[in-house]
PDB file of N, CA and C in Angstrom:
ATOM      1  N   MET A   1     -17.304 -14.702   4.113  1.00  0.00           N
ATOM      2  CA  MET A   1     -16.244 -14.641   3.131  1.00  0.00           C
ATOM      3  C   MET A   1     -15.939 -13.168   2.834  1.00  0.00           C
ATOM      4  N   ALA A   2     -14.669 -12.847   2.734  1.00  0.00           N
ATOM      5  CA  ALA A   2     -14.242 -11.471   2.478  1.00  0.00           C
ATOM      6  C   ALA A   2     -14.527 -11.076   1.035  1.00  0.00           C
ATOM      7  N   GLU A   3     -14.814  -9.793   0.855  1.00  0.00           N
ATOM      8  CA  GLU A   3     -15.036  -9.251  -0.477  1.00  0.00           C
ATOM      9  C   GLU A   3     -13.740  -9.300  -1.281  1.00  0.00           C
ATOM     10  N   THR A   4     -13.827  -9.685  -2.544  1.00  0.00           N
ATOM     11  CA  THR A   4     -12.648  -9.707  -3.412  1.00  0.00           C
ATOM     12  C   THR A   4     -12.391  -8.300  -3.912  1.00  0.00           C
ATOM     13  N   TRP A   5     -11.311  -7.706  -3.462  1.00  0.00           N
ATOM     14  CA  TRP A   5     -10.956  -6.345  -3.895  1.00  0.00           C
ATOM     15  C   TRP A   5      -9.644  -6.347  -4.678  1.00  0.00           C
ATOM     16  N   LEU A   6      -8.970  -7.489  -4.708  1.00  0.00           N
ATOM     17  CA  LEU A   6      -7.687  -7.579  -5.399  1.00  0.00           C
ATOM     18  C   LEU A   6      -7.709  -8.788  -6.339  1.00  0.00           C
ATOM     19  N   PRO A   7      -8.353  -8.633  -7.503  1.00  0.00           N
ATOM     20  CA  PRO A   7      -8.438  -9.773  -8.408  1.00  0.00           C
ATOM     21  C   PRO A   7      -7.116 -10.114  -9.076  1.00  0.00           C
ATOM     22  N   SER A   8      -6.183  -9.148  -9.121  1.00  0.00           N
ATOM     23  CA  SER A   8      -4.917  -9.377  -9.803  1.00  0.00           C
ATOM     24  C   SER A   8      -3.898  -8.321  -9.394  1.00  0.00           C
ATOM     25  N   LEU A   9      -2.637  -8.670  -9.504  1.00  0.00           N
ATOM     26  CA  LEU A   9      -1.564  -7.682  -9.323  1.00  0.00           C
ATOM     27  C   LEU A   9      -1.169  -7.060 -10.661  1.00  0.00           C
ATOM     28  N   ARG A  10      -1.793  -7.486 -11.736  1.00  0.00           N
ATOM     29  CA  ARG A  10      -1.466  -6.982 -13.064  1.00  0.00           C
ATOM     30  C   ARG A  10      -2.018  -5.574 -13.237  1.00  0.00           C
ATOM     31  N   THR A  11      -1.185  -4.686 -13.755  1.00  0.00           N
ATOM     32  CA  THR A  11      -1.598  -3.316 -14.067  1.00  0.00           C
ATOM     33  C   THR A  11      -1.064  -2.960 -15.447  1.00  0.00           C
ATOM     34  N   ALA A  12      -1.675  -1.959 -16.061  1.00  0.00           N
ATOM     35  CA  ALA A  12      -1.288  -1.586 -17.419  1.00  0.00           C
ATOM     36  C   ALA A  12      -0.004  -0.767 -17.457  1.00  0.00           C
ATOM     37  N   THR A  13       0.256   0.002 -16.411  1.00  0.00           N
ATOM     38  CA  THR A  13       1.401   0.912 -16.424  1.00  0.00           C
ATOM     39  C   THR A  13       2.100   0.907 -15.059  1.00  0.00           C
ATOM     40  N   PRO A  14       3.334   1.366 -15.022  1.00  0.00           N
ATOM     41  CA  PRO A  14       4.012   1.504 -13.734  1.00  0.00           C
ATOM     42  C   PRO A  14       3.270   2.451 -12.778  1.00  0.00           C
ATOM     43  N   GLN A  15       2.675   3.520 -13.305  1.00  0.00           N
ATOM     44  CA  GLN A  15       1.938   4.431 -12.421  1.00  0.00           C
ATOM     45  C   GLN A  15       0.759   3.716 -11.770  1.00  0.00           C
ATOM     46  N   GLU A  16       0.015   2.937 -12.550  1.00  0.00           N
ATOM     47  CA  GLU A  16      -1.070   2.151 -11.970  1.00  0.00           C
ATOM     48  C   GLU A  16      -0.526   1.156 -10.950  1.00  0.00           C
ATOM     49  N   GLY A  17       0.654   0.624 -11.224  1.00  0.00           N
ATOM     50  CA  GLY A  17       1.299  -0.291 -10.282  1.00  0.00           C
ATOM     51  C   GLY A  17       1.633   0.397  -8.969  1.00  0.00           C
ATOM     52  N   PHE A  18       2.117   1.626  -9.052  1.00  0.00           N
ATOM     53  CA  PHE A  18       2.435   2.386  -7.841  1.00  0.00           C
ATOM     54  C   PHE A  18       1.159   2.703  -7.059  1.00  0.00           C
ATOM     55  N   GLU A  19       0.103   3.048  -7.779  1.00  0.00           N
ATOM     56  CA  GLU A  19      -1.179   3.303  -7.112  1.00  0.00           C
ATOM     57  C   GLU A  19      -1.689   2.046  -6.412  1.00  0.00           C
ATOM     58  N   LEU A  20      -1.512   0.895  -7.049  1.00  0.00           N
ATOM     59  CA  LEU A  20      -1.903  -0.364  -6.423  1.00  0.00           C
ATOM     60  C   LEU A  20      -1.037  -0.632  -5.198  1.00  0.00           C
ATOM     61  N   ALA A  21       0.258  -0.374  -5.284  1.00  0.00           N
ATOM     62  CA  ALA A  21       1.147  -0.574  -4.142  1.00  0.00           C
ATOM     63  C   ALA A  21       0.724   0.302  -2.966  1.00  0.00           C
ATOM     64  N   THR A  22       0.338   1.532  -3.250  1.00  0.00           N
ATOM     65  CA  THR A  22      -0.133   2.437  -2.204  1.00  0.00           C
ATOM     66  C   THR A  22      -1.415   1.903  -1.582  1.00  0.00           C
ATOM     67  N   LYS A  23      -2.316   1.394  -2.418  1.00  0.00           N
ATOM     68  CA  LYS A  23      -3.563   0.827  -1.903  1.00  0.00           C
ATOM     69  C   LYS A  23      -3.276  -0.396  -1.028  1.00  0.00           C
ATOM     70  N   LEU A  24      -2.335  -1.234  -1.448  1.00  0.00           N
ATOM     71  CA  LEU A  24      -1.978  -2.401  -0.642  1.00  0.00           C
ATOM     72  C   LEU A  24      -1.502  -1.978   0.745  1.00  0.00           C
ATOM     73  N   ALA A  25      -0.689  -0.932   0.787  1.00  0.00           N
ATOM     74  CA  ALA A  25      -0.194  -0.442   2.080  1.00  0.00           C
ATOM     75  C   ALA A  25      -1.352   0.068   2.940  1.00  0.00           C
ATOM     76  N   ARG A  26      -2.259   0.818   2.335  1.00  0.00           N
ATOM     77  CA  ARG A  26      -3.390   1.371   3.085  1.00  0.00           C
ATOM     78  C   ARG A  26      -4.311   0.264   3.586  1.00  0.00           C
ATOM     79  N   ILE A  27      -4.573  -0.727   2.750  1.00  0.00           N
ATOM     80  CA  ILE A  27      -5.421  -1.853   3.163  1.00  0.00           C
ATOM     81  C   ILE A  27      -4.744  -2.628   4.294  1.00  0.00           C
ATOM     82  N   GLY A  28      -3.424  -2.774   4.198  1.00  0.00           N
ATOM     83  CA  GLY A  28      -2.692  -3.456   5.268  1.00  0.00           C
ATOM     84  C   GLY A  28      -2.870  -2.769   6.611  1.00  0.00           C
ATOM     85  N   VAL A  29      -2.858  -1.451   6.603  1.00  0.00           N
ATOM     86  CA  VAL A  29      -3.079  -0.706   7.850  1.00  0.00           C
ATOM     87  C   VAL A  29      -4.501  -0.943   8.352  1.00  0.00           C
ATOM     88  N   LYS A  30      -5.473  -0.922   7.448  1.00  0.00           N
ATOM     89  CA  LYS A  30      -6.868  -1.141   7.852  1.00  0.00           C
ATOM     90  C   LYS A  30      -7.085  -2.535   8.422  1.00  0.00           C
ATOM     91  N   VAL A  31      -6.402  -3.521   7.856  1.00  0.00           N
ATOM     92  CA  VAL A  31      -6.528  -4.886   8.373  1.00  0.00           C
ATOM     93  C   VAL A  31      -5.884  -4.994   9.755  1.00  0.00           C
ATOM     94  N   THR A  32      -4.730  -4.329   9.895  1.00  0.00           N
ATOM     95  CA  THR A  32      -4.018  -4.366  11.170  1.00  0.00           C
ATOM     96  C   THR A  32      -4.776  -3.626  12.260  1.00  0.00           C
ATOM     97  N   GLN A  33      -5.356  -2.466  11.914  1.00  0.00           N
ATOM     98  CA  GLN A  33      -6.136  -1.671  12.877  1.00  0.00           C
ATOM     99  C   GLN A  33      -7.478  -1.344  12.225  1.00  0.00           C
ATOM    100  N   PRO A  34      -8.484  -2.198  12.439  1.00  0.00           N
ATOM    101  CA  PRO A  34      -9.764  -2.009  11.766  1.00  0.00           C
ATOM    102  C   PRO A  34     -10.573  -0.794  12.238  1.00  0.00           C
ATOM    103  N   SER A  35     -10.252  -0.233  13.378  1.00  0.00           N
ATOM    104  CA  SER A  35     -11.010   0.905  13.888  1.00  0.00           C
ATOM    105  C   SER A  35     -10.556   2.212  13.239  1.00  0.00           C
ATOM    106  N   ALA A  36     -11.451   2.823  12.452  1.00  0.00           N
ATOM    107  CA  ALA A  36     -11.132   4.112  11.818  1.00  0.00           C
ATOM    108  C   ALA A  36     -10.877   5.177  12.877  1.00  0.00           C
ATOM    109  N   GLU A  37     -11.602   5.112  13.977  1.00  0.00           N
ATOM    110  CA  GLU A  37     -11.422   6.096  15.049  1.00  0.00           C
ATOM    111  C   GLU A  37     -10.013   6.018  15.642  1.00  0.00           C
ATOM    112  N   ILE A  38      -9.537   4.822  15.881  1.00  0.00           N
ATOM    113  CA  ILE A  38      -8.185   4.662  16.435  1.00  0.00           C
ATOM    114  C   ILE A  38      -7.142   5.062  15.397  1.00  0.00           C
ATOM    115  N   ARG A  39      -7.353   4.675  14.131  1.00  0.00           N
ATOM    116  CA  ARG A  39      -6.404   5.085  13.077  1.00  0.00           C
ATOM    117  C   ARG A  39      -6.301   6.603  13.003  1.00  0.00           C
ATOM    118  N   ASP A  40      -7.445   7.288  13.107  1.00  0.00           N
ATOM    119  CA  ASP A  40      -7.434   8.750  13.069  1.00  0.00           C
ATOM    120  C   ASP A  40      -6.659   9.332  14.248  1.00  0.00           C
ATOM    121  N   LYS A  41      -6.808   8.736  15.417  1.00  0.00           N
ATOM    122  CA  LYS A  41      -6.069   9.208  16.593  1.00  0.00           C
ATOM    123  C   LYS A  41      -4.577   8.958  16.441  1.00  0.00           C
ATOM    124  N   LEU A  42      -4.213   7.819  15.879  1.00  0.00           N
ATOM    125  CA  LEU A  42      -2.801   7.476  15.713  1.00  0.00           C
ATOM    126  C   LEU A  42      -2.123   8.326  14.650  1.00  0.00           C
ATOM    127  N   ARG A  43      -2.902   8.797  13.689  1.00  0.00           N
ATOM    128  CA  ARG A  43      -2.332   9.588  12.596  1.00  0.00           C
ATOM    129  C   ARG A  43      -1.555  10.793  13.131  1.00  0.00           C
ATOM    130  N   ALA A  44      -2.061  11.427  14.172  1.00  0.00           N
ATOM    131  CA  ALA A  44      -1.378  12.594  14.754  1.00  0.00           C
ATOM    132  C   ALA A  44       0.013  12.224  15.261  1.00  0.00           C
ATOM    133  N   ALA A  45       0.195  10.986  15.662  1.00  0.00           N
ATOM    134  CA  ALA A  45       1.494  10.548  16.202  1.00  0.00           C
ATOM    135  C   ALA A  45       2.546  10.399  15.102  1.00  0.00           C
ATOM    136  N   TYR A  46       2.135  10.050  13.894  1.00  0.00           N
ATOM    137  CA  TYR A  46       3.132   9.855  12.843  1.00  0.00           C
ATOM    138  C   TYR A  46       3.152  10.962  11.792  1.00  0.00           C
ATOM    139  N   ASP A  47       2.154  11.820  11.775  1.00  0.00           N
ATOM    140  CA  ASP A  47       2.110  12.908  10.781  1.00  0.00           C
ATOM    141  C   ASP A  47       3.359  13.785  10.790  1.00  0.00           C
ATOM    142  N   HIS A  48       3.956  13.954  11.946  1.00  0.00           N
ATOM    143  CA  HIS A  48       5.108  14.846  12.076  1.00  0.00           C
ATOM    144  C   HIS A  48       6.378  14.086  12.456  1.00  0.00           C
ATOM    145  N   ASP A  49       6.380  12.784  12.225  1.00  0.00           N
ATOM    146  CA  ASP A  49       7.520  11.943  12.581  1.00  0.00           C
ATOM    147  C   ASP A  49       8.183  11.447  11.293  1.00  0.00           C
ATOM    148  N   ALA A  50       9.311  12.042  10.948  1.00  0.00           N
ATOM    149  CA  ALA A  50       9.991  11.702   9.699  1.00  0.00           C
ATOM    150  C   ALA A  50      10.315  10.213   9.608  1.00  0.00           C
ATOM    151  N   GLY A  51      10.725   9.606  10.695  1.00  0.00           N
ATOM    152  CA  GLY A  51      11.070   8.186  10.688  1.00  0.00           C
ATOM    153  C   GLY A  51       9.885   7.307  10.330  1.00  0.00           C
ATOM    154  N   GLN A  52       8.722   7.628  10.891  1.00  0.00           N
ATOM    155  CA  GLN A  52       7.529   6.837  10.581  1.00  0.00           C
ATOM    156  C   GLN A  52       7.039   7.091   9.161  1.00  0.00           C
ATOM    157  N   LEU A  53       7.189   8.313   8.678  1.00  0.00           N
ATOM    158  CA  LEU A  53       6.809   8.599   7.295  1.00  0.00           C
ATOM    159  C   LEU A  53       7.720   7.861   6.317  1.00  0.00           C
ATOM    160  N   ILE A  54       9.009   7.810   6.630  1.00  0.00           N
ATOM    161  CA  ILE A  54       9.954   7.062   5.790  1.00  0.00           C
ATOM    162  C   ILE A  54       9.611   5.576   5.820  1.00  0.00           C
ATOM    163  N   ALA A  55       9.269   5.060   6.998  1.00  0.00           N
ATOM    164  CA  ALA A  55       8.883   3.650   7.105  1.00  0.00           C
ATOM    165  C   ALA A  55       7.648   3.356   6.251  1.00  0.00           C
ATOM    166  N   SER A  56       6.694   4.286   6.222  1.00  0.00           N
ATOM    167  CA  SER A  56       5.508   4.114   5.380  1.00  0.00           C
ATOM    168  C   SER A  56       5.896   4.053   3.909  1.00  0.00           C
ATOM    169  N   SER A  57       6.819   4.912   3.512  1.00  0.00           N
ATOM    170  CA  SER A  57       7.295   4.907   2.126  1.00  0.00           C
ATOM    171  C   SER A  57       7.993   3.598   1.798  1.00  0.00           C
ATOM    172  N   GLN A  58       8.701   3.040   2.759  1.00  0.00           N
ATOM    173  CA  GLN A  58       9.386   1.766   2.539  1.00  0.00           C
ATOM    174  C   GLN A  58       8.383   0.643   2.307  1.00  0.00           C
ATOM    175  N   VAL A  59       7.281   0.656   3.050  1.00  0.00           N
ATOM    176  CA  VAL A  59       6.250  -0.365   2.871  1.00  0.00           C
ATOM    177  C   VAL A  59       5.669  -0.268   1.460  1.00  0.00           C
ATOM    178  N   ILE A  60       5.387   0.952   1.015  1.00  0.00           N
ATOM    179  CA  ILE A  60       4.873   1.140  -0.339  1.00  0.00           C
ATOM    180  C   ILE A  60       5.894   0.656  -1.365  1.00  0.00           C
ATOM    181  N   ALA A  61       7.167   0.963  -1.145  1.00  0.00           N
ATOM    182  CA  ALA A  61       8.221   0.536  -2.080  1.00  0.00           C
ATOM    183  C   ALA A  61       8.297  -0.986  -2.165  1.00  0.00           C
ATOM    184  N   ILE A  62       8.152  -1.661  -1.044  1.00  0.00           N
ATOM    185  CA  ILE A  62       8.177  -3.131  -1.051  1.00  0.00           C
ATOM    186  C   ILE A  62       6.987  -3.675  -1.834  1.00  0.00           C
ATOM    187  N   HIS A  63       5.815  -3.100  -1.615  1.00  0.00           N
ATOM    188  CA  HIS A  63       4.640  -3.521  -2.387  1.00  0.00           C
ATOM    189  C   HIS A  63       4.846  -3.241  -3.874  1.00  0.00           C
ATOM    190  N   PHE A  64       5.466  -2.101  -4.197  1.00  0.00           N
ATOM    191  CA  PHE A  64       5.704  -1.761  -5.604  1.00  0.00           C
ATOM    192  C   PHE A  64       6.648  -2.773  -6.240  1.00  0.00           C
ATOM    193  N   GLN A  65       7.649  -3.232  -5.510  1.00  0.00           N
ATOM    194  CA  GLN A  65       8.549  -4.265  -6.038  1.00  0.00           C
ATOM    195  C   GLN A  65       7.760  -5.521  -6.389  1.00  0.00           C
ATOM    196  N   THR A  66       6.820  -5.892  -5.530  1.00  0.00           N
ATOM    197  CA  THR A  66       6.008  -7.082  -5.764  1.00  0.00           C
ATOM    198  C   THR A  66       5.131  -6.907  -6.999  1.00  0.00           C
ATOM    199  N   VAL A  67       4.472  -5.749  -7.098  1.00  0.00           N
ATOM    200  CA  VAL A  67       3.602  -5.479  -8.248  1.00  0.00           C
ATOM    201  C   VAL A  67       4.430  -5.435  -9.533  1.00  0.00           C
ATOM    202  N   ALA A  68       5.585  -4.789  -9.486  1.00  0.00           N
ATOM    203  CA  ALA A  68       6.445  -4.701 -10.676  1.00  0.00           C
ATOM    204  C   ALA A  68       6.879  -6.088 -11.132  1.00  0.00           C
ATOM    205  N   ALA A  69       7.252  -6.936 -10.203  1.00  0.00           N
ATOM    206  CA  ALA A  69       7.656  -8.299 -10.563  1.00  0.00           C
ATOM    207  C   ALA A  69       6.480  -9.065 -11.173  1.00  0.00           C
ATOM    208  N   ALA A  70       5.293  -8.885 -10.603  1.00  0.00           N
ATOM    209  CA  ALA A  70       4.104  -9.567 -11.136  1.00  0.00           C
ATOM    210  C   ALA A  70       3.776  -9.106 -12.549  1.00  0.00           C
ATOM    211  N   ASN A  71       4.219  -7.915 -12.897  1.00  0.00           N
ATOM    212  CA  ASN A  71       3.967  -7.354 -14.221  1.00  0.00           C
ATOM    213  C   ASN A  71       5.180  -7.477 -15.135  1.00  0.00           C
ATOM    214  N   ASP A  72       6.120  -8.320 -14.745  1.00  0.00           N
ATOM    215  CA  ASP A  72       7.356  -8.495 -15.510  1.00  0.00           C
ATOM    216  C   ASP A  72       7.978  -7.135 -15.828  1.00  0.00           C
ATOM    217  N   TYR A  73       7.874  -6.258 -14.846  1.00  0.00           N
ATOM    218  CA  TYR A  73       8.451  -4.910 -14.964  1.00  0.00           C
ATOM    219  C   TYR A  73       7.947  -4.179 -16.195  1.00  0.00           C
ATOM    220  N   TRP A  74       6.708  -4.493 -16.595  1.00  0.00           N
ATOM    221  CA  TRP A  74       6.006  -3.848 -17.709  1.00  0.00           C
ATOM    222  C   TRP A  74       6.719  -4.026 -19.055  1.00  0.00           C
ATOM    223  N   ARG A  75       7.443  -5.124 -19.156  1.00  0.00           N
ATOM    224  CA  ARG A  75       8.058  -5.444 -20.449  1.00  0.00           C
ATOM    225  C   ARG A  75       6.998  -6.063 -21.336  1.00  0.00           C
ATOM    226  N   THR A  76       7.035  -5.703 -22.602  1.00  0.00           N
ATOM    227  CA  THR A  76       6.079  -6.309 -23.538  1.00  0.00           C
ATOM    228  C   THR A  76       6.799  -6.964 -24.679  1.00  0.00           C
TER     229      THR A  76
END
């Protein structure tokens, strides 16, 4: 059984929500490519590629939309 690392999408603030969205993106990459050695080798391919960096930002933005919705956009 996998370790529970995401007990909730609820966060106290939008900044915490953005940090969670970033973590979701990073975990997604680790799940897709579990080898740290291969991820490190691939990093050189996208570090200087504006298109791939923008795509990474888009993934984080999509996760942030999900977290924001789960938090009712932090309305109280």
